Amino acid sequence: MKSMERLLSVLTAAKPVIDAETFLQSEDLHGEGVLDSLDILIVIDELCAEYEVKIDLTDFSRADFKTAANIYELVKRCGGRM
């Protein structure tokens, strides 16, 4: 599975009411209401499980969840197995 497709699969599993295209096209996932603070915590849990990475509260900011590409970069920065 391609890396971005894998990430989109994780995101849609964490928030199944949102489709992959919305995650991919959104320019501000939090600002547009696609992900709220609780959703971000759920996504972090899913990312940790899928990519075998540990993401601590000090490892990210709201900006890391602005777009799917930002989330992808966060996982890579934290040592996730892409």
PDB file of N, CA and C in Angstrom:
ATOM      1  N   MET A   1       0.855  -1.184   0.000  1.00  0.00           N
ATOM      2  CA  MET A   1       0.000   0.000   0.000  1.00  0.00           C
ATOM      3  C   MET A   1       0.893   1.237   0.000  1.00  0.00           C
ATOM      4  N   LYS A   2       0.553   2.202  -0.811  1.00  0.00           N
ATOM      5  CA  LYS A   2       1.322   3.438  -0.847  1.00  0.00           C
ATOM      6  C   LYS A   2       1.213   4.165   0.486  1.00  0.00           C
ATOM      7  N   SER A   3       2.233   4.953   0.783  1.00  0.00           N
ATOM      8  CA  SER A   3       2.331   5.607   2.089  1.00  0.00           C
ATOM      9  C   SER A   3       1.138   6.511   2.408  1.00  0.00           C
ATOM     10  N   MET A   4       0.747   7.381   1.468  1.00  0.00           N
ATOM     11  CA  MET A   4      -0.372   8.285   1.745  1.00  0.00           C
ATOM     12  C   MET A   4      -1.681   7.516   1.822  1.00  0.00           C
ATOM     13  N   GLU A   5      -1.841   6.490   1.007  1.00  0.00           N
ATOM     14  CA  GLU A   5      -3.048   5.666   1.084  1.00  0.00           C
ATOM     15  C   GLU A   5      -3.136   4.980   2.443  1.00  0.00           C
ATOM     16  N   ARG A   6      -1.996   4.528   2.929  1.00  0.00           N
ATOM     17  CA  ARG A   6      -1.964   3.893   4.251  1.00  0.00           C
ATOM     18  C   ARG A   6      -2.379   4.892   5.325  1.00  0.00           C
ATOM     19  N   LEU A   7      -1.845   6.105   5.257  1.00  0.00           N
ATOM     20  CA  LEU A   7      -2.210   7.140   6.223  1.00  0.00           C
ATOM     21  C   LEU A   7      -3.698   7.452   6.142  1.00  0.00           C
ATOM     22  N   LEU A   8      -4.219   7.595   4.937  1.00  0.00           N
ATOM     23  CA  LEU A   8      -5.646   7.884   4.774  1.00  0.00           C
ATOM     24  C   LEU A   8      -6.502   6.766   5.343  1.00  0.00           C
ATOM     25  N   SER A   9      -6.035   5.533   5.221  1.00  0.00           N
ATOM     26  CA  SER A   9      -6.744   4.401   5.806  1.00  0.00           C
ATOM     27  C   SER A   9      -6.790   4.527   7.332  1.00  0.00           C
ATOM     28  N   VAL A  10      -5.693   4.941   7.929  1.00  0.00           N
ATOM     29  CA  VAL A  10      -5.646   5.143   9.377  1.00  0.00           C
ATOM     30  C   VAL A  10      -6.596   6.265   9.779  1.00  0.00           C
ATOM     31  N   LEU A  11      -6.574   7.360   9.044  1.00  0.00           N
ATOM     32  CA  LEU A  11      -7.428   8.511   9.368  1.00  0.00           C
ATOM     33  C   LEU A  11      -8.908   8.163   9.256  1.00  0.00           C
ATOM     34  N   THR A  12      -9.287   7.456   8.194  1.00  0.00           N
ATOM     35  CA  THR A  12     -10.705   7.112   8.034  1.00  0.00           C
ATOM     36  C   THR A  12     -11.138   6.052   9.044  1.00  0.00           C
ATOM     37  N   ALA A  13     -10.206   5.214   9.496  1.00  0.00           N
ATOM     38  CA  ALA A  13     -10.541   4.253  10.560  1.00  0.00           C
ATOM     39  C   ALA A  13     -10.777   4.982  11.874  1.00  0.00           C
ATOM     40  N   ALA A  14      -9.993   6.029  12.110  1.00  0.00           N
ATOM     41  CA  ALA A  14     -10.125   6.806  13.347  1.00  0.00           C
ATOM     42  C   ALA A  14     -11.387   7.669  13.335  1.00  0.00           C
ATOM     43  N   LYS A  15     -11.767   8.133  12.159  1.00  0.00           N
ATOM     44  CA  LYS A  15     -12.956   8.992  12.027  1.00  0.00           C
ATOM     45  C   LYS A  15     -13.738   8.538  10.796  1.00  0.00           C
ATOM     46  N   PRO A  16     -14.487   7.438  10.920  1.00  0.00           N
ATOM     47  CA  PRO A  16     -15.138   6.830   9.756  1.00  0.00           C
ATOM     48  C   PRO A  16     -16.217   7.680   9.081  1.00  0.00           C
ATOM     49  N   VAL A  17     -16.707   8.705   9.731  1.00  0.00           N
ATOM     50  CA  VAL A  17     -17.725   9.551   9.089  1.00  0.00           C
ATOM     51  C   VAL A  17     -17.115  10.520   8.078  1.00  0.00           C
ATOM     52  N   ILE A  18     -15.786  10.571   8.022  1.00  0.00           N
ATOM     53  CA  ILE A  18     -15.088  11.443   7.071  1.00  0.00           C
ATOM     54  C   ILE A  18     -14.404  10.565   6.034  1.00  0.00           C
ATOM     55  N   ASP A  19     -14.599  10.893   4.753  1.00  0.00           N
ATOM     56  CA  ASP A  19     -13.981  10.078   3.708  1.00  0.00           C
ATOM     57  C   ASP A  19     -12.540  10.521   3.435  1.00  0.00           C
ATOM     58  N   ALA A  20     -11.808   9.648   2.772  1.00  0.00           N
ATOM     59  CA  ALA A  20     -10.389   9.888   2.501  1.00  0.00           C
ATOM     60  C   ALA A  20     -10.175  11.155   1.689  1.00  0.00           C
ATOM     61  N   GLU A  21     -11.053  11.415   0.755  1.00  0.00           N
ATOM     62  CA  GLU A  21     -10.918  12.604  -0.098  1.00  0.00           C
ATOM     63  C   GLU A  21     -10.977  13.888   0.728  1.00  0.00           C
ATOM     64  N   THR A  22     -11.842  13.925   1.721  1.00  0.00           N
ATOM     65  CA  THR A  22     -11.939  15.096   2.600  1.00  0.00           C
ATOM     66  C   THR A  22     -10.637  15.289   3.359  1.00  0.00           C
ATOM     67  N   PHE A  23     -10.084  14.197   3.897  1.00  0.00           N
ATOM     68  CA  PHE A  23      -8.803  14.302   4.591  1.00  0.00           C
ATOM     69  C   PHE A  23      -7.716  14.802   3.649  1.00  0.00           C
ATOM     70  N   LEU A  24      -7.732  14.316   2.437  1.00  0.00           N
ATOM     71  CA  LEU A  24      -6.698  14.664   1.470  1.00  0.00           C
ATOM     72  C   LEU A  24      -6.805  16.108   0.993  1.00  0.00           C
ATOM     73  N   GLN A  25      -8.022  16.608   0.817  1.00  0.00           N
ATOM     74  CA  GLN A  25      -8.215  17.935   0.246  1.00  0.00           C
ATOM     75  C   GLN A  25      -8.284  19.064   1.276  1.00  0.00           C
ATOM     76  N   SER A  26      -8.519  18.738   2.520  1.00  0.00           N
ATOM     77  CA  SER A  26      -8.662  19.772   3.543  1.00  0.00           C
ATOM     78  C   SER A  26      -7.360  20.557   3.716  1.00  0.00           C
ATOM     79  N   GLU A  27      -7.502  21.863   3.822  1.00  0.00           N
ATOM     80  CA  GLU A  27      -6.345  22.733   4.041  1.00  0.00           C
ATOM     81  C   GLU A  27      -6.157  23.065   5.509  1.00  0.00           C
ATOM     82  N   ASP A  28      -7.131  22.707   6.343  1.00  0.00           N
ATOM     83  CA  ASP A  28      -7.020  22.920   7.792  1.00  0.00           C
ATOM     84  C   ASP A  28      -8.004  21.993   8.492  1.00  0.00           C
ATOM     85  N   LEU A  29      -7.557  20.768   8.755  1.00  0.00           N
ATOM     86  CA  LEU A  29      -8.429  19.743   9.314  1.00  0.00           C
ATOM     87  C   LEU A  29      -9.099  20.184  10.610  1.00  0.00           C
ATOM     88  N   HIS A  30      -8.369  20.837  11.477  1.00  0.00           N
ATOM     89  CA  HIS A  30      -8.935  21.293  12.752  1.00  0.00           C
ATOM     90  C   HIS A  30      -9.815  22.520  12.525  1.00  0.00           C
ATOM     91  N   GLY A  31      -9.313  23.472  11.792  1.00  0.00           N
ATOM     92  CA  GLY A  31     -10.046  24.712  11.542  1.00  0.00           C
ATOM     93  C   GLY A  31     -11.347  24.511  10.785  1.00  0.00           C
ATOM     94  N   GLU A  32     -11.375  23.535   9.910  1.00  0.00           N
ATOM     95  CA  GLU A  32     -12.579  23.230   9.128  1.00  0.00           C
ATOM     96  C   GLU A  32     -13.526  22.289   9.868  1.00  0.00           C
ATOM     97  N   GLY A  33     -13.134  21.852  11.056  1.00  0.00           N
ATOM     98  CA  GLY A  33     -13.993  20.986  11.851  1.00  0.00           C
ATOM     99  C   GLY A  33     -13.950  19.516  11.477  1.00  0.00           C
ATOM    100  N   VAL A  34     -12.996  19.137  10.646  1.00  0.00           N
ATOM    101  CA  VAL A  34     -12.869  17.730  10.276  1.00  0.00           C
ATOM    102  C   VAL A  34     -12.377  16.927  11.481  1.00  0.00           C
ATOM    103  N   LEU A  35     -11.398  17.470  12.197  1.00  0.00           N
ATOM    104  CA  LEU A  35     -10.878  16.839  13.413  1.00  0.00           C
ATOM    105  C   LEU A  35     -10.996  17.813  14.575  1.00  0.00           C
ATOM    106  N   ASP A  36     -11.590  17.355  15.676  1.00  0.00           N
ATOM    107  CA  ASP A  36     -11.572  18.172  16.883  1.00  0.00           C
ATOM    108  C   ASP A  36     -10.471  17.631  17.800  1.00  0.00           C
ATOM    109  N   SER A  37     -10.324  18.195  18.958  1.00  0.00           N
ATOM    110  CA  SER A  37      -9.233  17.815  19.863  1.00  0.00           C
ATOM    111  C   SER A  37      -9.294  16.341  20.257  1.00  0.00           C
ATOM    112  N   LEU A  38     -10.481  15.836  20.523  1.00  0.00           N
ATOM    113  CA  LEU A  38     -10.629  14.424  20.872  1.00  0.00           C
ATOM    114  C   LEU A  38     -10.262  13.540  19.685  1.00  0.00           C
ATOM    115  N   ASP A  39     -10.697  13.931  18.494  1.00  0.00           N
ATOM    116  CA  ASP A  39     -10.345  13.172  17.287  1.00  0.00           C
ATOM    117  C   ASP A  39      -8.836  13.084  17.114  1.00  0.00           C
ATOM    118  N   ILE A  40      -8.141  14.171  17.397  1.00  0.00           N
ATOM    119  CA  ILE A  40      -6.683  14.183  17.256  1.00  0.00           C
ATOM    120  C   ILE A  40      -6.056  13.159  18.191  1.00  0.00           C
ATOM    121  N   LEU A  41      -6.556  13.060  19.402  1.00  0.00           N
ATOM    122  CA  LEU A  41      -6.030  12.060  20.337  1.00  0.00           C
ATOM    123  C   LEU A  41      -6.288  10.640  19.832  1.00  0.00           C
ATOM    124  N   ILE A  42      -7.454  10.425  19.257  1.00  0.00           N
ATOM    125  CA  ILE A  42      -7.791   9.121  18.692  1.00  0.00           C
ATOM    126  C   ILE A  42      -6.872   8.815  17.508  1.00  0.00           C
ATOM    127  N   VAL A  43      -6.660   9.806  16.658  1.00  0.00           N
ATOM    128  CA  VAL A  43      -5.767   9.636  15.509  1.00  0.00           C
ATOM    129  C   VAL A  43      -4.355   9.304  15.984  1.00  0.00           C
ATOM    130  N   ILE A  44      -3.880   9.984  17.010  1.00  0.00           N
ATOM    131  CA  ILE A  44      -2.543   9.705  17.533  1.00  0.00           C
ATOM    132  C   ILE A  44      -2.448   8.255  17.988  1.00  0.00           C
ATOM    133  N   ASP A  45      -3.458   7.788  18.682  1.00  0.00           N
ATOM    134  CA  ASP A  45      -3.468   6.394  19.133  1.00  0.00           C
ATOM    135  C   ASP A  45      -3.407   5.441  17.942  1.00  0.00           C
ATOM    136  N   GLU A  46      -4.180   5.715  16.920  1.00  0.00           N
ATOM    137  CA  GLU A  46      -4.192   4.876  15.714  1.00  0.00           C
ATOM    138  C   GLU A  46      -2.845   4.931  14.990  1.00  0.00           C
ATOM    139  N   LEU A  47      -2.260   6.125  14.911  1.00  0.00           N
ATOM    140  CA  LEU A  47      -0.960   6.276  14.260  1.00  0.00           C
ATOM    141  C   LEU A  47       0.113   5.473  14.989  1.00  0.00           C
ATOM    142  N   CYS A  48       0.103   5.544  16.309  1.00  0.00           N
ATOM    143  CA  CYS A  48       1.081   4.805  17.112  1.00  0.00           C
ATOM    144  C   CYS A  48       0.967   3.305  16.866  1.00  0.00           C
ATOM    145  N   ALA A  49      -0.249   2.818  16.786  1.00  0.00           N
ATOM    146  CA  ALA A  49      -0.461   1.387  16.557  1.00  0.00           C
ATOM    147  C   ALA A  49      -0.056   0.982  15.139  1.00  0.00           C
ATOM    148  N   GLU A  50      -0.478   1.735  14.165  1.00  0.00           N
ATOM    149  CA  GLU A  50      -0.229   1.381  12.765  1.00  0.00           C
ATOM    150  C   GLU A  50       1.248   1.490  12.385  1.00  0.00           C
ATOM    151  N   TYR A  51       1.896   2.553  12.841  1.00  0.00           N
ATOM    152  CA  TYR A  51       3.271   2.830  12.422  1.00  0.00           C
ATOM    153  C   TYR A  51       4.320   2.419  13.455  1.00  0.00           C
ATOM    154  N   GLU A  52       3.870   1.770  14.524  1.00  0.00           N
ATOM    155  CA  GLU A  52       4.794   1.319  15.569  1.00  0.00           C
ATOM    156  C   GLU A  52       5.715   2.448  16.015  1.00  0.00           C
ATOM    157  N   VAL A  53       5.078   3.543  16.417  1.00  0.00           N
ATOM    158  CA  VAL A  53       5.800   4.744  16.830  1.00  0.00           C
ATOM    159  C   VAL A  53       5.178   5.264  18.116  1.00  0.00           C
ATOM    160  N   LYS A  54       5.965   5.970  18.880  1.00  0.00           N
ATOM    161  CA  LYS A  54       5.438   6.614  20.080  1.00  0.00           C
ATOM    162  C   LYS A  54       5.395   8.116  19.823  1.00  0.00           C
ATOM    163  N   ILE A  55       4.224   8.697  19.984  1.00  0.00           N
ATOM    164  CA  ILE A  55       4.044  10.137  19.811  1.00  0.00           C
ATOM    165  C   ILE A  55       3.587  10.694  21.147  1.00  0.00           C
ATOM    166  N   ASP A  56       4.465  11.420  21.806  1.00  0.00           N
ATOM    167  CA  ASP A  56       4.140  12.033  23.091  1.00  0.00           C
ATOM    168  C   ASP A  56       3.470  13.377  22.885  1.00  0.00           C
ATOM    169  N   LEU A  57       2.832  13.869  23.921  1.00  0.00           N
ATOM    170  CA  LEU A  57       2.167  15.177  23.840  1.00  0.00           C
ATOM    171  C   LEU A  57       3.127  16.296  23.478  1.00  0.00           C
ATOM    172  N   THR A  58       4.398  16.143  23.822  1.00  0.00           N
ATOM    173  CA  THR A  58       5.389  17.181  23.510  1.00  0.00           C
ATOM    174  C   THR A  58       5.933  17.064  22.089  1.00  0.00           C
ATOM    175  N   ASP A  59       5.550  16.020  21.371  1.00  0.00           N
ATOM    176  CA  ASP A  59       6.068  15.773  20.021  1.00  0.00           C
ATOM    177  C   ASP A  59       5.292  16.478  18.918  1.00  0.00           C
ATOM    178  N   PHE A  60       4.146  17.028  19.235  1.00  0.00           N
ATOM    179  CA  PHE A  60       3.320  17.604  18.172  1.00  0.00           C
ATOM    180  C   PHE A  60       2.650  18.891  18.624  1.00  0.00           C
ATOM    181  N   SER A  61       2.185  19.614  17.627  1.00  0.00           N
ATOM    182  CA  SER A  61       1.391  20.822  17.867  1.00  0.00           C
ATOM    183  C   SER A  61       0.165  20.753  16.960  1.00  0.00           C
ATOM    184  N   ARG A  62      -0.704  21.701  17.102  1.00  0.00           N
ATOM    185  CA  ARG A  62      -1.898  21.744  16.246  1.00  0.00           C
ATOM    186  C   ARG A  62      -1.502  21.802  14.771  1.00  0.00           C
ATOM    187  N   ALA A  63      -0.408  22.471  14.470  1.00  0.00           N
ATOM    188  CA  ALA A  63       0.052  22.594  13.082  1.00  0.00           C
ATOM    189  C   ALA A  63       0.355  21.237  12.452  1.00  0.00           C
ATOM    190  N   ASP A  64       0.755  20.263  13.266  1.00  0.00           N
ATOM    191  CA  ASP A  64       1.037  18.925  12.753  1.00  0.00           C
ATOM    192  C   ASP A  64      -0.224  18.206  12.282  1.00  0.00           C
ATOM    193  N   PHE A  65      -1.384  18.740  12.624  1.00  0.00           N
ATOM    194  CA  PHE A  65      -2.653  18.143  12.225  1.00  0.00           C
ATOM    195  C   PHE A  65      -3.447  19.065  11.304  1.00  0.00           C
ATOM    196  N   LYS A  66      -2.749  20.000  10.671  1.00  0.00           N
ATOM    197  CA  LYS A  66      -3.430  20.916   9.760  1.00  0.00           C
ATOM    198  C   LYS A  66      -3.876  20.203   8.483  1.00  0.00           C
ATOM    199  N   THR A  67      -3.002  19.365   7.946  1.00  0.00           N
ATOM    200  CA  THR A  67      -3.327  18.625   6.721  1.00  0.00           C
ATOM    201  C   THR A  67      -2.861  17.182   6.864  1.00  0.00           C
ATOM    202  N   ALA A  68      -3.318  16.344   5.957  1.00  0.00           N
ATOM    203  CA  ALA A  68      -2.863  14.949   5.945  1.00  0.00           C
ATOM    204  C   ALA A  68      -1.351  14.896   5.717  1.00  0.00           C
ATOM    205  N   ALA A  69      -0.833  15.779   4.869  1.00  0.00           N
ATOM    206  CA  ALA A  69       0.615  15.815   4.619  1.00  0.00           C
ATOM    207  C   ALA A  69       1.378  16.168   5.891  1.00  0.00           C
ATOM    208  N   ASN A  70       0.839  17.078   6.707  1.00  0.00           N
ATOM    209  CA  ASN A  70       1.481  17.424   7.974  1.00  0.00           C
ATOM    210  C   ASN A  70       1.487  16.228   8.925  1.00  0.00           C
ATOM    211  N   ILE A  71       0.401  15.477   8.952  1.00  0.00           N
ATOM    212  CA  ILE A  71       0.328  14.289   9.807  1.00  0.00           C
ATOM    213  C   ILE A  71       1.357  13.265   9.340  1.00  0.00           C
ATOM    214  N   TYR A  72       1.471  13.097   8.047  1.00  0.00           N
ATOM    215  CA  TYR A  72       2.451  12.188   7.469  1.00  0.00           C
ATOM    216  C   TYR A  72       3.860  12.574   7.919  1.00  0.00           C
ATOM    217  N   GLU A  73       4.179  13.853   7.841  1.00  0.00           N
ATOM    218  CA  GLU A  73       5.500  14.340   8.259  1.00  0.00           C
ATOM    219  C   GLU A  73       5.727  14.134   9.754  1.00  0.00           C
ATOM    220  N   LEU A  74       4.691  14.295  10.565  1.00  0.00           N
ATOM    221  CA  LEU A  74       4.794  14.042  12.005  1.00  0.00           C
ATOM    222  C   LEU A  74       5.186  12.589  12.258  1.00  0.00           C
ATOM    223  N   VAL A  75       4.528  11.679  11.590  1.00  0.00           N
ATOM    224  CA  VAL A  75       4.825  10.254  11.782  1.00  0.00           C
ATOM    225  C   VAL A  75       6.269   9.964  11.385  1.00  0.00           C
ATOM    226  N   LYS A  76       6.696  10.510  10.255  1.00  0.00           N
ATOM    227  CA  LYS A  76       8.075  10.309   9.818  1.00  0.00           C
ATOM    228  C   LYS A  76       9.060  10.900  10.834  1.00  0.00           C
ATOM    229  N   ARG A  77       8.784  12.094  11.300  1.00  0.00           N
ATOM    230  CA  ARG A  77       9.664  12.781  12.269  1.00  0.00           C
ATOM    231  C   ARG A  77       9.799  11.987  13.575  1.00  0.00           C
ATOM    232  N   CYS A  78       8.729  11.319  13.962  1.00  0.00           N
ATOM    233  CA  CYS A  78       8.746  10.537  15.205  1.00  0.00           C
ATOM    234  C   CYS A  78       9.305   9.131  15.007  1.00  0.00           C
ATOM    235  N   GLY A  79       9.714   8.818  13.793  1.00  0.00           N
ATOM    236  CA  GLY A  79      10.338   7.525  13.526  1.00  0.00           C
ATOM    237  C   GLY A  79       9.396   6.420  13.118  1.00  0.00           C
ATOM    238  N   GLY A  80       8.211   6.814  12.646  1.00  0.00           N
ATOM    239  CA  GLY A  80       7.240   5.814  12.215  1.00  0.00           C
ATOM    240  C   GLY A  80       7.724   5.014  11.015  1.00  0.00           C
ATOM    241  N   ARG A  81       7.338   3.765  10.982  1.00  0.00           N
ATOM    242  CA  ARG A  81       7.712   2.880   9.879  1.00  0.00           C
ATOM    243  C   ARG A  81       6.752   3.101   8.719  1.00  0.00           C
ATOM    244  N   MET A  82       7.162   3.917   7.790  1.00  0.00           N
ATOM    245  CA  MET A  82       6.319   4.288   6.655  1.00  0.00           C
ATOM    246  C   MET A  82       6.384   3.203   5.609  1.00  0.00           C
TER     247      MET A  82
END
